[in-house]
Amino acid sequence: MIAIDEGYVDSAAPNPEAAKNGRGLVLKNKFTALNISADATILFGECQGSGKEPYRCSCDFARPDKPAHRCSCPSRQFPCKHCLGLMYAYAQKKKFTEAAVPEDLQAKREKLQARAEKKDADADKPRQVNLPALAKKIKAQLDGIDVLERLTGDLVRLGIGNMNAKLAREMEDQAKQLGNAYLPGAQAALHNYTKLFAGDDGKFAEQSSAYRERIYSEALDQLSRLHALVKQGRAYLKRRLDDPELKPETDSAIAAWLGHAWQLRELKDAGLVETDAELVQLAFNSHDDVARQEYVDTGVWLTLANGRIRLTQNFRPYRAAKFIKSDDSFFQVAQVKELCVYPGNVNPRIRWEGMLSRPLEPKDLETIRGHGQADFAAVVKEVKTHLKGPLADKQPIHALNFKRLGRAGDTLIAEDAKGERLALTDAGMSEEPPSCHLLSLLPRDSFAGNTLIARFRHDLDTRKLQIKPLSIVTRSAIIRLTL
């Protein structure tokens, strides 16, 4: 049996309510039978429900990285609260009796194994692509780029000072054409401009002249990004049309900027995969993107072998949110057989299909600290070079080894061994909860000789780099300042 603790079960739950209900079943002694197979690869039992007959549930770890959860209850959540309760009972060292696997459950296991083998066999077969249909789609995207160019030109001619709620709404309506042209990423980029003129509720409202002055630099930056997206997007799509195979490029993130939904198979075929990777989550947050009408779960992970900081992102549109499992904080080490890495620069997105977990150990913390950068000046130079690209991630994340955290006057700062300082701030990063105010609550030994996981921000008005603290890695723990 793989290592199962309560943290593992929490991360397997489809939502916090299911985890709470699963714990409640154990607390109320609702399980009338708790069994484990002789080879310790499956937990199965019975749980008393509202009906006369108990629910029969099982958690099958024949494929440890892709466990199968089954239950006779009518719930459409996987795992349901009964399977979660079964795992919680195991994690809490409840007594499980060794027993033979029931015949019907054994038959399901064999059927699942057969499907898995077929899937693996199909994965090795060459993939057939409908090239004429793909070429037609790319041509439609090029037409969409023309629409984006026209809309961007209208915004430039209109000017920031003349933008109002009515015009912003009209621009949003016209931006729907980009979605119809298979350019959801370009549509989102346009949203990022128009939402500057919307309130926290996502509704457009008339803004004061003082507010317009505050967003002036950001609005110019967004317009520059739209211009670059038009120029680079058109060149990229034309190169694809000239390629007989019509393959997306993997040496830049332009495909994702336009809205290409990378499939795991594509990433693997392109060689964008790392094998036998171990990852530690350093930070996590969920935010409500009102402009795009979706919830976004973002995890910040470090790969132990190479120290790269990557992101997992789970998008849950409002209309389908209840059908999509939300991501959550993860406090163990994720062991991933095949880690797929999206095209990108500093903090590319990552995905995987299945994983094992193991407890986080002191040696892992030392490995993370060893990947931290001690020379702030070198990091600043690297970040500034990165930010020169108009389509670059404007808020990259780095691990910084600091000598001390403290105050210089009224400003919170991080200082390296050479005396170089970076100012800490929460400004301009509303997608993550504020974190600077939490520093005063930490133990004193957190403020010297540790590693700070920080998100950089370029203040467009002062032209200075600032950082937002996400977590602090000490010799004994990862202290999270977001979630």
Protein backbone atom coordinates (compact mmCIF):
# COMPACT_ATOMS: atom_id res chain seq x y z
CA MET A 1 0.00 0.00 0.00
CA ILE A 2 1.24 3.47 -0.83
CA ALA A 3 1.76 5.95 1.99
CA ILE A 4 -1.62 7.46 2.85
CA ASP A 5 -1.95 10.24 5.39
CA GLU A 6 -4.71 12.77 5.93
CA GLY A 7 -2.95 15.29 3.70
CA TYR A 8 -3.04 12.79 0.83
CA VAL A 9 -6.78 12.25 1.32
CA ASP A 10 -7.41 16.00 1.54
CA SER A 11 -5.73 16.50 -1.84
CA ALA A 12 -7.77 13.65 -3.37
CA ALA A 13 -11.09 15.18 -2.31
CA PRO A 14 -13.04 16.90 -5.13
CA ASN A 15 -13.88 19.80 -2.77
CA PRO A 16 -13.60 20.76 0.92
CA GLU A 17 -17.20 19.77 1.64
CA ALA A 18 -16.58 16.19 0.46
CA ALA A 19 -13.47 15.97 2.66
CA LYS A 20 -15.44 17.25 5.66
CA ASN A 21 -18.22 14.70 5.08
CA GLY A 22 -15.69 11.89 4.64
CA ARG A 23 -14.08 12.73 7.98
CA GLY A 24 -17.53 12.86 9.55
CA LEU A 25 -18.30 9.27 8.50
CA VAL A 26 -15.24 8.04 10.41
CA LEU A 27 -16.00 10.22 13.41
CA LYS A 28 -19.56 8.90 13.60
CA ASN A 29 -18.44 5.25 13.18
CA LYS A 30 -20.54 4.80 10.05
CA PHE A 31 -18.27 2.09 8.61
CA THR A 32 -19.59 -1.39 9.40
CA ALA A 33 -16.69 -3.15 7.64
CA LEU A 34 -13.11 -2.13 6.92
CA ASN A 35 -11.06 -4.54 4.79
CA ILE A 36 -7.73 -4.67 3.01
CA SER A 37 -6.51 -7.17 0.41
CA ALA A 38 -3.67 -9.57 1.14
CA ASP A 39 -1.32 -7.69 -1.18
CA ALA A 40 -2.37 -4.36 0.41
CA THR A 41 -3.32 -2.83 -2.94
CA ILE A 42 -7.00 -2.25 -2.26
CA LEU A 43 -9.11 -0.95 0.60
CA PHE A 44 -12.77 -1.92 0.62
CA GLY A 45 -15.58 -1.77 3.09
CA GLU A 46 -19.20 -0.97 3.87
CA CYS A 47 -20.63 2.30 5.12
CA GLN A 48 -24.08 2.77 6.58
CA GLY A 49 -26.11 5.33 4.63
CA SER A 50 -29.69 6.54 4.71
CA GLY A 51 -31.04 3.34 3.17
CA LYS A 52 -31.43 -0.17 4.50
CA GLU A 53 -28.40 -1.58 2.68
CA PRO A 54 -24.94 -0.15 3.37
CA TYR A 55 -22.89 1.40 0.56
CA ARG A 56 -20.00 -0.74 -0.69
CA CYS A 57 -16.94 1.37 -1.41
CA SER A 58 -13.36 0.65 -2.43
CA CYS A 59 -10.09 2.45 -3.16
CA ASP A 60 -7.96 0.48 -5.61
CA PHE A 61 -4.21 1.19 -5.74
CA ALA A 62 -3.26 -1.47 -8.30
CA ARG A 63 -1.97 1.53 -10.27
CA PRO A 64 -0.63 3.65 -7.40
CA ASP A 65 -0.28 6.83 -9.45
CA LYS A 66 -3.85 6.53 -10.77
CA PRO A 67 -6.03 5.03 -8.02
CA ALA A 68 -9.57 3.92 -8.86
CA HIS A 69 -12.43 4.75 -6.48
CA ARG A 70 -15.71 2.87 -6.64
CA CYS A 71 -18.89 3.10 -4.59
CA SER A 72 -22.48 1.87 -4.83
CA CYS A 73 -23.81 5.28 -3.73
CA PRO A 74 -25.48 7.57 -6.32
CA SER A 75 -22.93 10.40 -5.93
CA ARG A 76 -21.32 11.73 -9.10
CA GLN A 77 -18.21 12.90 -7.24
CA PHE A 78 -15.04 10.83 -7.48
CA PRO A 79 -13.91 9.97 -4.94
CA CYS A 80 -17.21 10.25 -3.08
CA LYS A 81 -17.41 10.92 0.65
CA HIS A 82 -17.57 7.16 1.39
CA CYS A 83 -14.29 6.45 -0.43
CA LEU A 84 -12.74 9.47 1.25
CA GLY A 85 -13.96 8.18 4.61
CA LEU A 86 -12.42 4.79 3.84
CA MET A 87 -9.04 6.43 3.22
CA TYR A 88 -9.37 8.68 6.26
CA ALA A 89 -10.03 5.58 8.38
CA TYR A 90 -6.84 4.00 7.02
CA ALA A 91 -4.84 7.18 7.59
CA GLN A 92 -6.14 7.35 11.16
CA LYS A 93 -4.92 3.79 11.83
CA LYS A 94 -8.37 2.26 12.20
CA LYS A 95 -8.37 -1.54 12.23
CA PHE A 96 -8.62 -3.07 8.75
CA THR A 97 -9.23 -6.81 8.41
CA GLU A 98 -7.39 -8.73 5.70
CA ALA A 99 -9.96 -10.32 3.37
CA ALA A 100 -10.33 -11.75 -0.13
CA VAL A 101 -11.33 -9.24 -2.80
CA PRO A 102 -15.03 -9.80 -3.75
CA GLU A 103 -15.54 -11.35 -7.19
CA ASP A 104 -17.42 -8.38 -8.64
CA LEU A 105 -14.69 -6.02 -7.48
CA GLN A 106 -11.98 -8.30 -8.89
CA ALA A 107 -13.78 -8.35 -12.25
CA LYS A 108 -13.86 -4.54 -12.30
CA ARG A 109 -10.14 -4.44 -11.52
CA GLU A 110 -9.37 -6.74 -14.44
CA LYS A 111 -11.56 -4.70 -16.78
CA LEU A 112 -9.81 -1.50 -15.70
CA GLN A 113 -6.41 -3.10 -16.28
CA ALA A 114 -7.48 -4.15 -19.78
CA ARG A 115 -8.60 -0.60 -20.59
CA ALA A 116 -5.31 0.80 -19.29
CA GLU A 117 -3.31 -1.60 -21.46
CA LYS A 118 -5.40 -0.67 -24.50
CA LYS A 119 -4.86 3.03 -23.80
CA ASP A 120 -1.11 2.50 -23.57
CA ALA A 121 -1.15 0.58 -26.84
CA ASP A 122 -3.19 3.31 -28.56
CA ALA A 123 -0.73 5.94 -27.31
CA ASP A 124 2.04 4.25 -29.29
CA LYS A 125 0.08 4.42 -32.54
CA PRO A 126 0.77 7.31 -34.92
CA ARG A 127 -1.78 10.07 -34.54
CA GLN A 128 -3.78 10.99 -37.61
CA VAL A 129 -4.31 14.72 -38.11
CA ASN A 130 -6.92 16.15 -40.47
CA LEU A 131 -4.55 18.60 -42.18
CA PRO A 132 -7.18 20.30 -44.42
CA ALA A 133 -9.41 21.00 -41.40
CA LEU A 134 -6.43 22.27 -39.40
CA ALA A 135 -5.36 24.56 -42.25
CA LYS A 136 -8.90 25.95 -42.39
CA LYS A 137 -8.77 26.65 -38.65
CA ILE A 138 -5.42 28.46 -38.95
CA LYS A 139 -6.81 30.64 -41.75
CA ALA A 140 -9.77 31.51 -39.50
CA GLN A 141 -7.27 32.44 -36.78
CA LEU A 142 -5.45 34.73 -39.21
CA ASP A 143 -8.77 36.45 -39.92
CA GLY A 144 -9.17 36.79 -36.14
CA ILE A 145 -5.74 38.42 -35.92
CA ASP A 146 -6.98 41.01 -38.43
CA VAL A 147 -9.93 41.68 -36.11
CA LEU A 148 -7.59 42.03 -33.12
CA GLU A 149 -5.43 44.47 -35.08
CA ARG A 150 -8.48 46.58 -35.95
CA LEU A 151 -9.72 46.61 -32.35
CA THR A 152 -6.26 47.49 -31.03
CA GLY A 153 -6.01 50.33 -33.54
CA ASP A 154 -9.42 51.62 -32.42
CA LEU A 155 -8.23 51.61 -28.80
CA VAL A 156 -5.07 53.52 -29.66
CA ARG A 157 -6.96 56.13 -31.69
CA LEU A 158 -9.59 56.47 -28.96
CA GLY A 159 -6.97 57.09 -26.28
CA ILE A 160 -7.01 56.15 -22.61
CA GLY A 161 -8.52 59.47 -21.56
CA ASN A 162 -11.59 58.98 -23.78
CA MET A 163 -12.32 55.41 -22.72
CA ASN A 164 -15.61 55.10 -20.85
CA ALA A 165 -17.89 52.35 -19.56
CA LYS A 166 -20.06 52.31 -22.69
CA LEU A 167 -17.08 51.99 -25.04
CA ALA A 168 -15.51 49.32 -22.84
CA ARG A 169 -18.70 47.24 -23.00
CA GLU A 170 -18.84 47.65 -26.78
CA MET A 171 -15.23 46.53 -27.07
CA GLU A 172 -16.00 43.45 -24.94
CA ASP A 173 -18.86 42.55 -27.27
CA GLN A 174 -16.64 42.87 -30.34
CA ALA A 175 -13.94 40.79 -28.64
CA LYS A 176 -16.30 37.80 -28.83
CA GLN A 177 -15.31 37.55 -32.49
CA LEU A 178 -11.87 36.42 -31.35
CA GLY A 179 -13.37 33.49 -29.47
CA ASN A 180 -15.27 32.50 -32.60
CA ALA A 181 -11.97 32.66 -34.50
CA TYR A 182 -10.32 30.11 -32.17
CA LEU A 183 -8.29 32.81 -30.39
CA PRO A 184 -9.42 32.64 -26.75
CA GLY A 185 -5.97 33.71 -25.56
CA ALA A 186 -6.09 36.86 -27.69
CA GLN A 187 -9.60 37.51 -26.43
CA ALA A 188 -8.32 37.23 -22.83
CA ALA A 189 -5.50 39.68 -23.62
CA LEU A 190 -8.07 42.20 -24.81
CA HIS A 191 -10.09 41.56 -21.63
CA ASN A 192 -7.00 42.45 -19.59
CA TYR A 193 -7.12 45.92 -21.11
CA THR A 194 -10.85 46.56 -20.85
CA LYS A 195 -11.04 45.28 -17.26
CA LEU A 196 -8.83 48.20 -16.23
CA PHE A 197 -11.99 50.25 -16.65
CA ALA A 198 -14.16 47.90 -14.59
CA GLY A 199 -14.75 47.65 -10.85
CA ASP A 200 -13.94 44.72 -8.57
CA ASP A 201 -17.30 43.19 -9.50
CA GLY A 202 -16.31 43.11 -13.17
CA LYS A 203 -18.94 45.69 -14.14
CA PHE A 204 -17.94 48.74 -16.15
CA ALA A 205 -18.36 52.10 -14.49
CA GLU A 206 -17.31 55.68 -15.16
CA GLN A 207 -13.86 56.33 -13.65
CA SER A 208 -12.49 59.54 -12.21
CA SER A 209 -9.61 61.40 -13.85
CA ALA A 210 -7.42 60.53 -10.84
CA TYR A 211 -8.11 56.82 -11.41
CA ARG A 212 -7.23 57.12 -15.09
CA GLU A 213 -3.90 58.67 -14.16
CA ARG A 214 -3.15 55.73 -11.87
CA ILE A 215 -3.80 53.14 -14.58
CA TYR A 216 -2.15 55.12 -17.38
CA SER A 217 1.14 53.17 -17.34
CA GLU A 218 -0.60 49.82 -17.05
CA ALA A 219 -2.95 50.66 -19.92
CA LEU A 220 -0.01 51.60 -22.15
CA ASP A 221 1.69 48.32 -21.27
CA GLN A 222 -1.44 46.35 -22.15
CA LEU A 223 -1.75 48.14 -25.49
CA SER A 224 1.90 47.35 -26.22
CA ARG A 225 1.17 43.70 -25.45
CA LEU A 226 -1.81 43.64 -27.81
CA HIS A 227 0.32 45.14 -30.58
CA ALA A 228 3.01 42.50 -30.03
CA LEU A 229 0.39 39.75 -30.02
CA VAL A 230 -0.89 40.91 -33.41
CA LYS A 231 2.60 41.08 -34.91
CA GLN A 232 3.99 37.84 -33.45
CA GLY A 233 0.70 35.95 -33.76
CA ARG A 234 0.34 36.68 -37.45
CA ALA A 235 3.96 35.67 -38.17
CA TYR A 236 3.53 32.46 -36.16
CA LEU A 237 0.30 31.45 -37.91
CA LYS A 238 1.81 32.10 -41.34
CA ARG A 239 4.79 29.90 -40.45
CA ARG A 240 2.39 27.14 -39.46
CA LEU A 241 0.60 27.38 -42.81
CA ASP A 242 3.96 27.07 -44.58
CA ASP A 243 4.78 23.92 -42.58
CA PRO A 244 3.44 20.79 -44.35
CA GLU A 245 2.75 19.20 -40.94
CA LEU A 246 1.15 22.39 -39.53
CA LYS A 247 2.81 21.75 -36.17
CA PRO A 248 2.66 24.34 -33.37
CA GLU A 249 5.97 25.84 -32.29
CA THR A 250 7.53 24.68 -29.05
CA ASP A 251 10.36 27.18 -28.62
CA SER A 252 8.07 30.02 -27.50
CA ALA A 253 4.77 30.53 -25.69
CA ILE A 254 3.06 32.28 -28.62
CA ALA A 255 0.74 29.29 -29.26
CA ALA A 256 -0.59 29.50 -25.71
CA TRP A 257 -0.91 33.28 -25.98
CA LEU A 258 -3.24 32.80 -28.93
CA GLY A 259 -5.16 30.18 -26.97
CA HIS A 260 -3.83 26.85 -28.23
CA ALA A 261 -4.98 24.15 -25.80
CA TRP A 262 -1.96 21.87 -25.58
CA GLN A 263 -2.77 18.19 -25.20
CA LEU A 264 -0.49 15.96 -23.15
CA ARG A 265 0.06 13.80 -26.20
CA GLU A 266 1.31 16.86 -28.16
CA LEU A 267 3.73 17.83 -25.41
CA LYS A 268 5.10 14.29 -25.20
CA ASP A 269 5.45 14.01 -28.98
CA ALA A 270 7.36 17.30 -28.97
CA GLY A 271 9.75 15.99 -26.32
CA LEU A 272 8.53 18.47 -23.69
CA VAL A 273 8.57 15.92 -20.90
CA GLU A 274 10.75 15.14 -17.89
CA THR A 275 10.78 11.63 -16.45
CA ASP A 276 10.77 10.59 -12.80
CA ALA A 277 10.38 14.13 -11.51
CA GLU A 278 9.87 15.07 -7.86
CA LEU A 279 8.09 18.33 -7.10
CA VAL A 280 7.29 20.35 -4.01
CA GLN A 281 4.47 22.89 -3.91
CA LEU A 282 5.71 26.21 -2.54
CA ALA A 283 2.52 28.27 -2.77
CA PHE A 284 -1.09 28.00 -3.89
CA ASN A 285 -4.00 30.34 -4.52
CA SER A 286 -7.42 30.40 -6.13
CA HIS A 287 -8.83 33.58 -7.58
CA ASP A 288 -12.01 34.65 -9.31
CA ASP A 289 -11.23 36.06 -12.74
CA VAL A 290 -14.37 38.13 -13.25
CA ALA A 291 -13.29 39.39 -16.67
CA ARG A 292 -12.86 35.87 -18.05
CA GLN A 293 -15.78 34.44 -16.06
CA GLU A 294 -13.80 31.61 -14.49
CA TYR A 295 -12.05 30.48 -11.33
CA VAL A 296 -8.31 29.87 -11.59
CA ASP A 297 -6.38 27.56 -9.23
CA THR A 298 -2.63 28.21 -9.39
CA GLY A 299 0.06 26.10 -7.75
CA VAL A 300 3.71 27.17 -7.55
CA TRP A 301 6.03 24.14 -7.69
CA LEU A 302 9.77 23.57 -7.58
CA THR A 303 11.34 20.57 -9.31
CA LEU A 304 13.88 19.16 -6.88
CA ALA A 305 16.30 17.88 -9.53
CA ASN A 306 16.88 21.16 -11.36
CA GLY A 307 15.39 23.88 -9.15
CA ARG A 308 13.02 25.15 -11.86
CA ILE A 309 9.91 26.90 -10.57
CA ARG A 310 6.84 26.00 -12.61
CA LEU A 311 3.08 26.52 -12.35
CA THR A 312 0.02 24.31 -12.41
CA GLN A 313 -3.14 26.07 -13.50
CA ASN A 314 -6.66 24.71 -13.30
CA PHE A 315 -9.32 26.78 -15.10
CA ARG A 316 -12.94 26.37 -13.98
CA PRO A 317 -15.42 28.41 -16.06
CA TYR A 318 -18.41 29.62 -14.05
CA ARG A 319 -20.85 27.53 -16.07
CA ALA A 320 -18.95 24.30 -15.52
CA ALA A 321 -17.31 24.95 -12.14
CA LYS A 322 -19.39 22.37 -10.27
CA PHE A 323 -18.31 19.65 -12.70
CA ILE A 324 -14.56 20.37 -12.51
CA LYS A 325 -12.48 19.27 -9.54
CA SER A 326 -10.77 22.21 -7.89
CA ASP A 327 -7.06 22.03 -7.12
CA ASP A 328 -5.83 22.56 -3.57
CA SER A 329 -2.72 23.01 -1.46
CA PHE A 330 -0.40 20.00 -1.44
CA PHE A 331 2.08 19.47 1.39
CA GLN A 332 3.95 16.33 0.35
CA VAL A 333 6.46 15.56 -2.39
CA ALA A 334 4.78 14.71 -5.70
CA GLN A 335 6.52 11.89 -7.59
CA VAL A 336 5.60 12.13 -11.27
CA LYS A 337 6.62 9.53 -13.82
CA GLU A 338 6.11 11.86 -16.80
CA LEU A 339 6.06 15.61 -16.20
CA CYS A 340 4.85 17.57 -19.24
CA VAL A 341 6.24 21.11 -19.52
CA TYR A 342 4.48 23.70 -21.66
CA PRO A 343 6.52 25.99 -23.90
CA GLY A 344 7.53 29.06 -21.92
CA ASN A 345 10.36 30.92 -20.28
CA VAL A 346 10.82 31.54 -16.55
CA ASN A 347 7.81 29.81 -14.96
CA PRO A 348 6.18 27.59 -17.61
CA ARG A 349 3.01 25.67 -16.93
CA ILE A 350 3.23 21.95 -16.14
CA ARG A 351 0.81 19.01 -16.11
CA TRP A 352 0.81 15.32 -15.37
CA GLU A 353 -1.63 12.43 -15.50
CA GLY A 354 -0.83 10.53 -12.31
CA MET A 355 1.45 10.79 -9.32
CA LEU A 356 2.62 9.15 -6.13
CA SER A 357 3.36 11.09 -2.96
CA ARG A 358 5.83 10.81 -0.13
CA PRO A 359 6.38 12.86 3.02
CA LEU A 360 8.43 16.04 2.78
CA GLU A 361 11.80 15.45 4.46
CA PRO A 362 14.49 17.81 5.82
CA LYS A 363 16.79 16.87 2.91
CA ASP A 364 14.13 18.14 0.49
CA LEU A 365 14.08 21.49 2.25
CA GLU A 366 17.86 21.70 1.99
CA THR A 367 17.61 20.92 -1.71
CA ILE A 368 15.11 23.75 -2.20
CA ARG A 369 17.33 26.16 -0.27
CA GLY A 370 20.29 25.07 -2.36
CA HIS A 371 18.46 26.16 -5.50
CA GLY A 372 17.91 29.69 -4.14
CA GLN A 373 19.80 32.59 -5.73
CA ALA A 374 22.01 34.53 -3.29
CA ASP A 375 23.03 37.42 -5.57
CA PHE A 376 20.06 39.80 -5.81
CA ALA A 377 21.79 42.00 -8.40
CA ALA A 378 22.18 39.05 -10.77
CA VAL A 379 18.53 38.09 -10.31
CA VAL A 380 17.39 41.67 -10.96
CA LYS A 381 19.43 41.76 -14.17
CA GLU A 382 17.90 38.44 -15.25
CA VAL A 383 14.36 39.64 -14.52
CA LYS A 384 14.87 42.95 -16.36
CA THR A 385 16.18 41.11 -19.42
CA HIS A 386 13.15 38.84 -19.31
CA LEU A 387 10.69 41.73 -18.98
CA LYS A 388 11.94 43.33 -22.20
CA GLY A 389 9.83 40.85 -24.14
CA PRO A 390 6.34 42.36 -24.64
CA LEU A 391 4.71 38.94 -24.24
CA ALA A 392 6.86 37.89 -21.28
CA ASP A 393 5.29 36.97 -17.96
CA LYS A 394 5.26 40.30 -16.15
CA GLN A 395 5.38 38.76 -12.67
CA PRO A 396 8.02 35.97 -12.66
CA ILE A 397 8.76 33.94 -9.53
CA HIS A 398 12.25 33.25 -8.18
CA ALA A 399 13.78 31.65 -5.08
CA LEU A 400 16.01 34.14 -3.21
CA ASN A 401 18.47 33.32 -0.45
CA PHE A 402 18.35 36.33 1.87
CA LYS A 403 20.57 37.42 4.73
CA ARG A 404 17.73 39.18 6.48
CA LEU A 405 14.15 40.34 6.16
CA GLY A 406 13.27 43.55 7.93
CA ARG A 407 12.53 47.22 7.57
CA ALA A 408 14.45 50.12 6.10
CA GLY A 409 12.48 53.12 7.35
CA ASP A 410 8.85 52.37 6.50
CA THR A 411 9.66 49.88 3.77
CA LEU A 412 9.79 46.10 4.17
CA ILE A 413 12.93 44.80 2.50
CA ALA A 414 14.86 41.59 1.74
CA GLU A 415 18.64 41.95 1.85
CA ASP A 416 21.31 39.62 0.48
CA ALA A 417 24.81 38.98 1.85
CA LYS A 418 26.24 41.85 -0.28
CA GLY A 419 23.77 44.38 1.09
CA GLU A 420 21.62 44.52 -2.05
CA ARG A 421 17.97 45.14 -1.19
CA LEU A 422 14.58 44.46 -2.73
CA ALA A 423 11.41 46.17 -1.49
CA LEU A 424 8.45 43.97 -0.53
CA THR A 425 4.93 44.88 -1.64
CA ASP A 426 1.42 43.57 -2.22
CA ALA A 427 0.60 46.33 -4.70
CA GLY A 428 -0.48 45.39 -8.20
CA MET A 429 -0.88 41.68 -7.47
CA SER A 430 -4.54 41.32 -6.51
CA GLU A 431 -4.85 37.77 -7.86
CA GLU A 432 -3.09 36.52 -4.72
CA PRO A 433 -4.09 37.40 -1.15
CA PRO A 434 -1.99 40.01 0.68
CA SER A 435 1.03 38.49 2.41
CA CYS A 436 3.35 41.26 3.66
CA HIS A 437 1.29 41.86 6.80
CA LEU A 438 1.77 38.22 7.82
CA LEU A 439 5.52 38.59 8.20
CA SER A 440 5.10 40.20 11.63
CA LEU A 441 3.47 36.98 12.87
CA LEU A 442 6.41 34.71 12.02
CA PRO A 443 9.06 33.41 14.44
CA ARG A 444 12.16 35.60 14.72
CA ASP A 445 14.44 32.94 13.25
CA SER A 446 12.45 33.16 9.99
CA PHE A 447 13.98 36.55 9.21
CA ALA A 448 17.62 35.56 8.76
CA GLY A 449 19.45 33.12 6.50
CA ASN A 450 16.49 31.51 4.77
CA THR A 451 15.01 31.24 1.26
CA LEU A 452 12.21 33.51 0.06
CA ILE A 453 9.91 32.43 -2.74
CA ALA A 454 9.04 35.78 -4.30
CA ARG A 455 6.98 37.07 -7.19
CA PHE A 456 8.61 40.02 -8.95
CA ARG A 457 6.67 43.06 -10.09
CA HIS A 458 7.90 45.94 -12.20
CA ASP A 459 6.35 49.20 -10.99
CA LEU A 460 5.72 50.96 -14.29
CA ASP A 461 5.54 54.39 -12.69
CA THR A 462 8.72 54.29 -10.56
CA ARG A 463 10.54 51.89 -12.94
CA LYS A 464 11.64 49.80 -9.95
CA LEU A 465 11.40 46.08 -9.28
CA GLN A 466 9.52 44.98 -6.17
CA ILE A 467 8.74 41.53 -4.80
CA LYS A 468 5.75 39.89 -3.16
CA PRO A 469 6.59 37.17 -0.59
CA LEU A 470 4.82 33.88 -1.30
CA SER A 471 6.60 31.60 1.17
CA ILE A 472 9.75 31.21 3.26
CA VAL A 473 11.71 27.95 3.24
CA THR A 474 13.56 27.32 6.49
CA ARG A 475 15.58 24.27 7.53
CA SER A 476 12.50 22.73 9.11
CA ALA A 477 9.44 23.92 7.17
CA ILE A 478 7.88 25.76 4.26
CA ILE A 479 6.03 28.73 5.73
CA ARG A 480 3.31 29.66 3.27
CA LEU A 481 2.11 33.25 3.15
CA THR A 482 -0.71 32.71 0.65
CA LEU A 483 -2.20 29.21 1.01
